[in-house]
């Protein structure tokens, strides 16, 4: 079964399941979820713990499978952790995980209603999984036999609320009304893309100020600028028509030493995708089908769905031509009417796409 991360603490108070699968690419949330499961297991008497890290194609799966067998009468309860950093267990691993899931499901089916908790708790940790992995036989078997929890990053829109909730845990809050919302937006701007640093900055507020209300001025004085940016978040900012955020993210990517060609690829790929989907719908393809064919999903899919009706085909063709010019600039080839240096050209191209999307929302 799939369990939202926010429901994990309440779930653990109701009794442990024999199998937990954590998957996602947010280190802080993954670590907190692991710690919560381990703490609940220790409280339930799981005194022993073994860790198996799957590295390479020749990993010996016999050890974690043997550890998951039923315990003897006098053995202590244990936690068996299986870490798969690549997210790809391989052919042998796929068969072993399906065998493990069947083994756990069989033990659960034989348990009586008043039986104590599991003697062996298996915790499997994985990185973010793509669609193919989530529909693979090994993952669907684990999902059916245990509890799956996804630990994805907190996006920019949800970050202020996440910060407020974390502050509330330590007895602090921002002022009511617009002042408090401005303080949370300021906080989010400083820690975007770096949730571990956000956690540290929130903890720092507890050291600097007593429980109760923390003013905007106090937050601004305490919170460092530790935001990190990536080209995927840049894509979301452009497609959402957020000009100030696009500018800030480009400045951040440049300061972090991101390669110009990679930034150009992200911008150009958005333009190419918009053009492909626009052409497909003009040819009579339904928009959902055109998006699937263009391999667009998630937040990017929702943004393109909103912007596309208001984007003229001629404007997308012009942006595509501009992306061609900037590609040459990034490779040392000048283009008439364009800045000679890559980063100013990238700024101009990105803001052109952002302005087009912002105008599309107004149409």
Protein backbone atom coordinates (compact mmCIF):
# COMPACT_ATOMS: atom_id res chain seq x y z
CA UNK A 1 0.00 0.00 0.00
CA UNK A 2 1.04 3.59 -0.59
CA UNK A 3 1.16 5.79 2.50
CA UNK A 4 1.59 9.59 2.34
CA UNK A 5 4.67 10.73 4.23
CA UNK A 6 2.59 13.02 6.44
CA UNK A 7 0.62 10.01 7.71
CA UNK A 8 3.65 7.91 8.65
CA UNK A 9 3.91 9.09 12.31
CA UNK A 10 0.24 8.25 13.02
CA UNK A 11 0.59 4.92 11.21
CA UNK A 12 3.58 3.89 13.35
CA UNK A 13 1.60 4.44 16.55
CA UNK A 14 -0.98 1.89 15.41
CA UNK A 15 1.41 -1.03 15.06
CA UNK A 16 4.25 -2.02 12.77
CA UNK A 17 4.02 -3.75 9.42
CA UNK A 18 6.74 -6.28 8.46
CA UNK A 19 7.87 -4.35 5.36
CA UNK A 20 8.50 -0.66 4.65
CA UNK A 21 9.75 0.74 1.34
CA UNK A 22 11.01 4.33 1.20
CA UNK A 23 11.68 5.88 -2.20
CA UNK A 24 12.48 9.46 -3.16
CA UNK A 25 15.32 11.93 -3.59
CA UNK A 26 14.89 14.29 -0.63
CA UNK A 27 17.64 13.31 1.86
CA UNK A 28 16.19 15.09 4.88
CA UNK A 29 12.70 13.60 4.59
CA UNK A 30 14.08 10.14 3.78
CA UNK A 31 16.36 10.22 6.82
CA UNK A 32 13.57 11.41 9.11
CA UNK A 33 11.25 8.65 7.84
CA UNK A 34 13.96 6.01 8.39
CA UNK A 35 14.63 7.31 11.90
CA UNK A 36 10.92 7.23 12.76
CA UNK A 37 10.55 3.62 11.58
CA UNK A 38 13.71 2.52 13.45
CA UNK A 39 12.57 4.26 16.65
CA UNK A 40 9.16 2.58 16.48
CA UNK A 41 10.84 -0.78 15.84
CA UNK A 42 13.22 -0.39 18.79
CA UNK A 43 10.28 0.53 21.02
CA UNK A 44 8.59 -2.69 19.86
CA UNK A 45 11.61 -4.77 20.89
CA UNK A 46 13.65 -4.97 17.68
CA UNK A 47 17.08 -4.98 19.29
CA UNK A 48 19.19 -6.31 16.40
CA UNK A 49 19.84 -4.55 13.11
CA UNK A 50 21.59 -5.64 9.92
CA UNK A 51 22.27 -3.47 6.88
CA UNK A 52 22.75 -4.76 3.32
CA UNK A 53 23.79 -2.30 0.58
CA UNK A 54 23.22 -3.50 -2.98
CA UNK A 55 26.30 -2.53 -5.00
CA UNK A 56 27.08 -3.97 -8.43
CA UNK A 57 25.56 -6.79 -10.43
CA UNK A 58 27.04 -9.57 -8.26
CA UNK A 59 25.45 -8.71 -4.94
CA UNK A 60 24.72 -11.79 -2.81
CA UNK A 61 20.98 -11.70 -2.13
CA UNK A 62 21.06 -14.81 0.04
CA UNK A 63 22.00 -12.83 3.17
CA UNK A 64 19.00 -10.44 3.26
CA UNK A 65 16.67 -13.27 2.23
CA UNK A 66 17.97 -15.49 5.03
CA UNK A 67 17.66 -12.65 7.54
CA UNK A 68 14.00 -12.31 6.67
CA UNK A 69 13.16 -15.89 7.63
CA UNK A 70 11.05 -16.55 10.72
CA UNK A 71 12.95 -16.21 13.95
CA UNK A 72 13.45 -19.01 16.39
CA UNK A 73 11.75 -18.99 19.79
CA UNK A 74 14.74 -17.43 21.60
CA UNK A 75 16.01 -15.07 18.90
CA UNK A 76 15.64 -11.33 19.32
CA UNK A 77 13.48 -9.26 17.02
CA UNK A 78 15.51 -7.55 14.33
CA UNK A 79 15.51 -4.85 11.67
CA UNK A 80 16.80 -5.84 8.22
CA UNK A 81 17.69 -2.87 6.03
CA UNK A 82 18.23 -3.26 2.29
CA UNK A 83 19.64 -0.18 0.58
CA UNK A 84 19.55 0.03 -3.22
CA UNK A 85 21.28 3.36 -4.08
CA UNK A 86 20.92 2.90 -7.85
CA UNK A 87 17.22 2.08 -7.68
CA UNK A 88 17.87 -0.86 -10.03
CA UNK A 89 18.18 -4.25 -8.33
CA UNK A 90 18.96 -6.08 -11.58
CA UNK A 91 17.57 -9.39 -12.77
CA UNK A 92 18.66 -11.40 -9.72
CA UNK A 93 17.61 -8.65 -7.37
CA UNK A 94 14.21 -8.38 -9.00
CA UNK A 95 13.60 -12.09 -8.42
CA UNK A 96 14.94 -11.85 -4.85
CA UNK A 97 12.70 -8.90 -3.97
CA UNK A 98 9.65 -10.68 -5.36
CA UNK A 99 10.61 -13.75 -3.30
CA UNK A 100 11.02 -11.55 -0.22
CA UNK A 101 7.62 -9.94 -0.80
CA UNK A 102 5.97 -13.34 -1.20
CA UNK A 103 7.70 -14.56 1.97
CA UNK A 104 6.45 -11.55 3.97
CA UNK A 105 2.94 -11.80 2.52
CA UNK A 106 2.82 -15.50 3.42
CA UNK A 107 3.88 -14.85 7.01
CA UNK A 108 1.29 -12.09 7.33
CA UNK A 109 -1.44 -14.40 6.03
CA UNK A 110 -0.59 -17.01 8.69
CA UNK A 111 -0.55 -14.52 11.57
CA UNK A 112 -3.44 -14.64 14.03
CA UNK A 113 -5.44 -11.47 14.82
CA UNK A 114 -3.93 -11.14 18.33
CA UNK A 115 -0.38 -12.08 17.32
CA UNK A 116 2.46 -9.75 18.40
CA UNK A 117 4.18 -7.51 15.86
CA UNK A 118 6.56 -8.88 13.23
CA UNK A 119 9.72 -10.60 14.44
CA UNK A 120 11.61 -9.19 11.45
CA UNK A 121 11.00 -5.69 10.15
CA UNK A 122 12.42 -5.15 6.65
CA UNK A 123 13.20 -1.60 5.57
CA UNK A 124 14.08 -1.05 1.90
CA UNK A 125 15.40 2.35 0.80
CA UNK A 126 15.50 3.51 -2.81
CA UNK A 127 16.14 6.77 -4.65
CA UNK A 128 13.49 8.46 -6.77
CA UNK A 129 11.92 5.92 -9.11
CA UNK A 130 10.72 6.51 -12.65
CA UNK A 131 7.45 5.21 -14.04
CA UNK A 132 9.05 2.02 -15.39
CA UNK A 133 10.45 1.13 -11.96
CA UNK A 134 7.15 1.84 -10.20
CA UNK A 135 5.33 -0.53 -12.54
CA UNK A 136 8.01 -3.24 -12.45
CA UNK A 137 7.12 -6.68 -11.01
CA UNK A 138 9.53 -6.31 -8.08
CA UNK A 139 8.17 -2.93 -6.95
CA UNK A 140 4.52 -3.88 -7.35
CA UNK A 141 5.21 -7.01 -5.29
CA UNK A 142 6.79 -4.94 -2.51
CA UNK A 143 3.93 -2.44 -2.67
CA UNK A 144 1.38 -5.22 -2.26
CA UNK A 145 3.21 -6.84 0.66
CA UNK A 146 4.19 -3.78 2.66
CA UNK A 147 3.95 -0.02 3.13
CA UNK A 148 5.49 2.29 0.51
CA UNK A 149 6.32 5.89 1.42
CA UNK A 150 7.52 8.44 -1.15
CA UNK A 151 9.93 11.15 0.03
CA UNK A 152 9.93 13.80 -2.67
CA UNK A 153 11.32 17.34 -2.32
CA UNK A 154 9.04 20.13 -1.12
CA UNK A 155 8.31 22.35 -4.10
CA UNK A 156 8.47 26.15 -3.90
CA UNK A 157 4.70 26.59 -3.64
CA UNK A 158 4.48 24.36 -0.54
CA UNK A 159 7.71 25.50 1.10
CA UNK A 160 6.30 28.43 3.17
CA UNK A 161 3.65 26.16 4.73
CA UNK A 162 6.29 23.50 5.41
CA UNK A 163 8.49 26.08 7.15
CA UNK A 164 5.55 27.31 9.25
CA UNK A 165 4.70 23.74 10.28
CA UNK A 166 8.31 23.03 11.28
CA UNK A 167 8.44 26.25 13.30
CA UNK A 168 5.23 25.25 15.06
CA UNK A 169 6.87 21.99 16.16
CA UNK A 170 9.38 24.00 18.19
CA UNK A 171 6.74 26.37 19.56
CA UNK A 172 7.36 29.29 17.21
CA UNK A 173 5.18 31.11 14.69
CA UNK A 174 5.29 34.07 12.33
CA UNK A 175 3.05 37.13 12.80
CA UNK A 176 -0.52 36.89 11.54
CA UNK A 177 -1.53 38.42 8.24
CA UNK A 178 0.60 39.70 5.39
CA UNK A 179 3.68 40.35 7.53
CA UNK A 180 3.88 36.68 8.43
CA UNK A 181 3.34 35.56 4.84
CA UNK A 182 6.10 37.90 3.67
CA UNK A 183 8.41 36.46 6.32
CA UNK A 184 7.68 32.91 5.15
CA UNK A 185 8.21 33.88 1.49
CA UNK A 186 11.53 35.50 2.42
CA UNK A 187 12.53 32.35 4.31
CA UNK A 188 11.52 30.14 1.37
CA UNK A 189 13.51 32.25 -1.09
CA UNK A 190 16.64 31.79 1.00
CA UNK A 191 16.41 28.00 1.35
CA UNK A 192 14.70 26.87 -1.85
CA UNK A 193 16.09 23.61 -3.18
CA UNK A 194 18.05 22.88 0.01
CA UNK A 195 15.68 21.31 2.52
CA UNK A 196 18.44 20.16 4.84
CA UNK A 197 19.67 23.75 5.14
CA UNK A 198 16.06 24.87 5.67
CA UNK A 199 15.82 22.45 8.60
CA UNK A 200 19.07 23.82 10.03
CA UNK A 201 17.90 27.42 9.69
CA UNK A 202 14.60 26.60 11.42
CA UNK A 203 16.50 24.89 14.24
CA UNK A 204 18.68 27.99 14.51
CA UNK A 205 15.59 30.11 15.16
CA UNK A 206 14.87 27.96 18.22
CA UNK A 207 18.36 28.69 19.54
CA UNK A 208 18.18 32.42 18.88
CA UNK A 209 14.63 33.24 19.96
CA UNK A 210 12.24 31.96 22.66
CA UNK A 211 9.00 30.14 21.86
CA UNK A 212 6.24 32.35 20.53
CA UNK A 213 6.07 34.83 17.69
CA UNK A 214 9.17 35.44 15.56
CA UNK A 215 9.01 38.71 13.64
CA UNK A 216 9.92 39.20 10.02
CA UNK A 217 12.91 41.31 11.04
CA UNK A 218 14.19 38.54 13.30
CA UNK A 219 13.85 35.97 10.50
CA UNK A 220 15.62 38.23 8.02
CA UNK A 221 18.45 38.76 10.50
CA UNK A 222 18.88 35.05 11.20
CA UNK A 223 18.30 33.18 7.94
CA UNK A 224 21.23 32.77 5.58
CA UNK A 225 20.94 32.59 1.81
CA UNK A 226 21.53 28.86 1.26
CA UNK A 227 19.21 28.28 -1.69
CA UNK A 228 20.28 25.84 -4.36
CA UNK A 229 18.91 25.79 -7.87
CA UNK A 230 18.70 23.26 -10.65
CA UNK A 231 17.64 23.41 -14.26
CA UNK A 232 14.42 21.49 -13.56
CA UNK A 233 13.20 24.16 -11.15
CA UNK A 234 14.23 26.78 -13.71
CA UNK A 235 11.89 25.07 -16.18
CA UNK A 236 8.99 25.33 -13.73
CA UNK A 237 9.68 29.04 -13.10
CA UNK A 238 9.73 29.86 -16.83
CA UNK A 239 6.59 27.88 -17.67
CA UNK A 240 4.80 29.50 -14.72
CA UNK A 241 5.65 32.96 -16.09
CA UNK A 242 7.57 33.95 -12.95
CA UNK A 243 10.04 36.54 -14.28
CA UNK A 244 11.66 37.52 -10.97
CA UNK A 245 12.12 33.90 -9.91
CA UNK A 246 13.54 32.99 -13.34
CA UNK A 247 16.06 35.80 -13.02
CA UNK A 248 17.02 34.74 -9.51
CA UNK A 249 17.45 31.11 -10.52
CA UNK A 250 19.61 31.98 -13.52
CA UNK A 251 21.82 34.12 -11.27
CA UNK A 252 22.02 31.24 -8.80
CA UNK A 253 22.91 28.67 -11.47
CA UNK A 254 25.64 30.94 -12.80
CA UNK A 255 27.04 31.53 -9.29
CA UNK A 256 27.07 27.77 -8.65
CA UNK A 257 29.11 27.22 -11.84
CA UNK A 258 26.44 25.40 -13.84
CA UNK A 259 27.46 24.75 -17.45
CA UNK A 260 25.93 27.15 -19.97
CA UNK A 261 25.15 24.34 -22.40
CA UNK A 262 23.12 22.48 -19.78
CA UNK A 263 21.10 25.59 -18.93
CA UNK A 264 20.54 26.21 -22.64
CA UNK A 265 19.38 22.63 -23.11
CA UNK A 266 16.76 23.02 -20.37
CA UNK A 267 15.41 26.25 -21.85
CA UNK A 268 15.47 24.96 -25.43
CA UNK A 269 13.83 21.67 -24.44
CA UNK A 270 10.88 23.56 -22.95
CA UNK A 271 10.51 25.57 -26.17
CA UNK A 272 10.79 22.45 -28.35
CA UNK A 273 8.22 20.63 -26.20
CA UNK A 274 5.76 23.51 -26.40
CA UNK A 275 6.22 23.65 -30.18
CA UNK A 276 5.76 19.87 -30.61
CA UNK A 277 2.62 19.79 -28.48
CA UNK A 278 1.21 22.90 -30.20
CA UNK A 279 1.78 21.36 -33.64
CA UNK A 280 0.24 18.07 -32.52
CA UNK A 281 -2.93 19.73 -31.21
CA UNK A 282 -3.17 21.85 -34.37
CA UNK A 283 -3.10 18.58 -36.33
CA UNK A 284 -6.07 17.29 -34.33
CA UNK A 285 -4.37 15.33 -31.55
CA UNK A 286 -6.07 15.61 -28.14
CA UNK A 287 -3.94 17.61 -25.70
CA UNK A 288 -3.56 14.79 -23.12
CA UNK A 289 -2.37 12.41 -25.86
CA UNK A 290 0.02 15.01 -27.29
CA UNK A 291 1.51 15.56 -23.82
CA UNK A 292 2.01 11.84 -23.28
CA UNK A 293 3.66 11.48 -26.68
CA UNK A 294 5.99 14.36 -25.77
CA UNK A 295 6.83 12.58 -22.48
CA UNK A 296 5.54 15.44 -20.33
CA UNK A 297 4.18 14.76 -16.85
CA UNK A 298 3.94 16.09 -13.30
CA UNK A 299 4.13 19.81 -12.57
CA UNK A 300 5.53 20.52 -16.04
CA UNK A 301 2.46 18.91 -17.61
CA UNK A 302 0.09 21.08 -15.58
CA UNK A 303 1.97 24.27 -16.47
CA UNK A 304 2.07 23.48 -20.19
CA UNK A 305 -1.65 22.65 -20.18
CA UNK A 306 -2.35 26.11 -18.76
CA UNK A 307 0.03 28.09 -20.98
CA UNK A 308 -0.32 26.37 -24.35
CA UNK A 309 -3.76 27.68 -25.42
CA UNK A 310 -2.50 31.25 -25.12
CA UNK A 311 0.81 30.72 -26.96
CA UNK A 312 0.61 31.52 -30.70
CA UNK A 313 2.42 29.07 -32.98
CA UNK A 314 4.33 31.95 -34.58
CA UNK A 315 5.67 33.06 -31.19
CA UNK A 316 6.88 29.54 -30.43
CA UNK A 317 8.59 29.36 -33.81
CA UNK A 318 10.35 32.66 -33.05
CA UNK A 319 11.48 31.36 -29.65
CA UNK A 320 12.77 28.20 -31.30
CA UNK A 321 14.83 30.29 -33.72
CA UNK A 322 16.16 32.31 -30.78
CA UNK A 323 17.17 29.08 -29.02
CA UNK A 324 19.15 28.15 -32.14
CA UNK A 325 21.05 31.44 -31.99
CA UNK A 326 21.83 31.03 -28.27
CA UNK A 327 23.04 27.49 -28.89
CA UNK A 328 25.66 28.92 -31.21
CA UNK A 329 26.59 31.65 -28.71
CA UNK A 330 27.18 29.02 -26.01
CA UNK A 331 29.55 27.30 -28.44
CA UNK A 332 31.44 30.49 -29.33
CA UNK A 333 29.54 31.52 -32.48
CA UNK A 334 28.23 35.12 -32.53
CA UNK A 335 24.67 35.94 -33.61
CA UNK A 336 23.53 39.34 -34.96
CA UNK A 337 21.52 41.30 -32.43
CA UNK A 338 22.36 38.98 -29.54
CA UNK A 339 24.84 39.38 -26.64
CA UNK A 340 28.22 37.85 -27.39
CA UNK A 341 28.58 36.19 -23.96
CA UNK A 342 26.56 33.05 -23.12
CA UNK A 343 24.96 34.08 -19.83
CA UNK A 344 23.42 37.37 -21.01
CA UNK A 345 22.08 35.48 -24.04
CA UNK A 346 20.64 32.77 -21.79
CA UNK A 347 18.98 35.43 -19.62
CA UNK A 348 17.39 36.99 -22.69
CA UNK A 349 16.15 33.66 -24.03
CA UNK A 350 14.78 32.51 -20.68
CA UNK A 351 13.00 35.78 -20.03
CA UNK A 352 11.54 35.65 -23.53
CA UNK A 353 9.95 32.29 -22.79
CA UNK A 354 8.86 33.43 -19.32
CA UNK A 355 7.22 36.58 -20.69
CA UNK A 356 5.42 34.55 -23.37
CA UNK A 357 4.01 32.17 -20.75
CA UNK A 358 3.00 35.04 -18.46
CA UNK A 359 1.15 36.70 -21.35
CA UNK A 360 -0.49 33.37 -22.24
CA UNK A 361 -2.02 33.13 -18.76
CA UNK A 362 -3.57 36.59 -19.21
CA UNK A 363 -5.17 35.79 -22.55
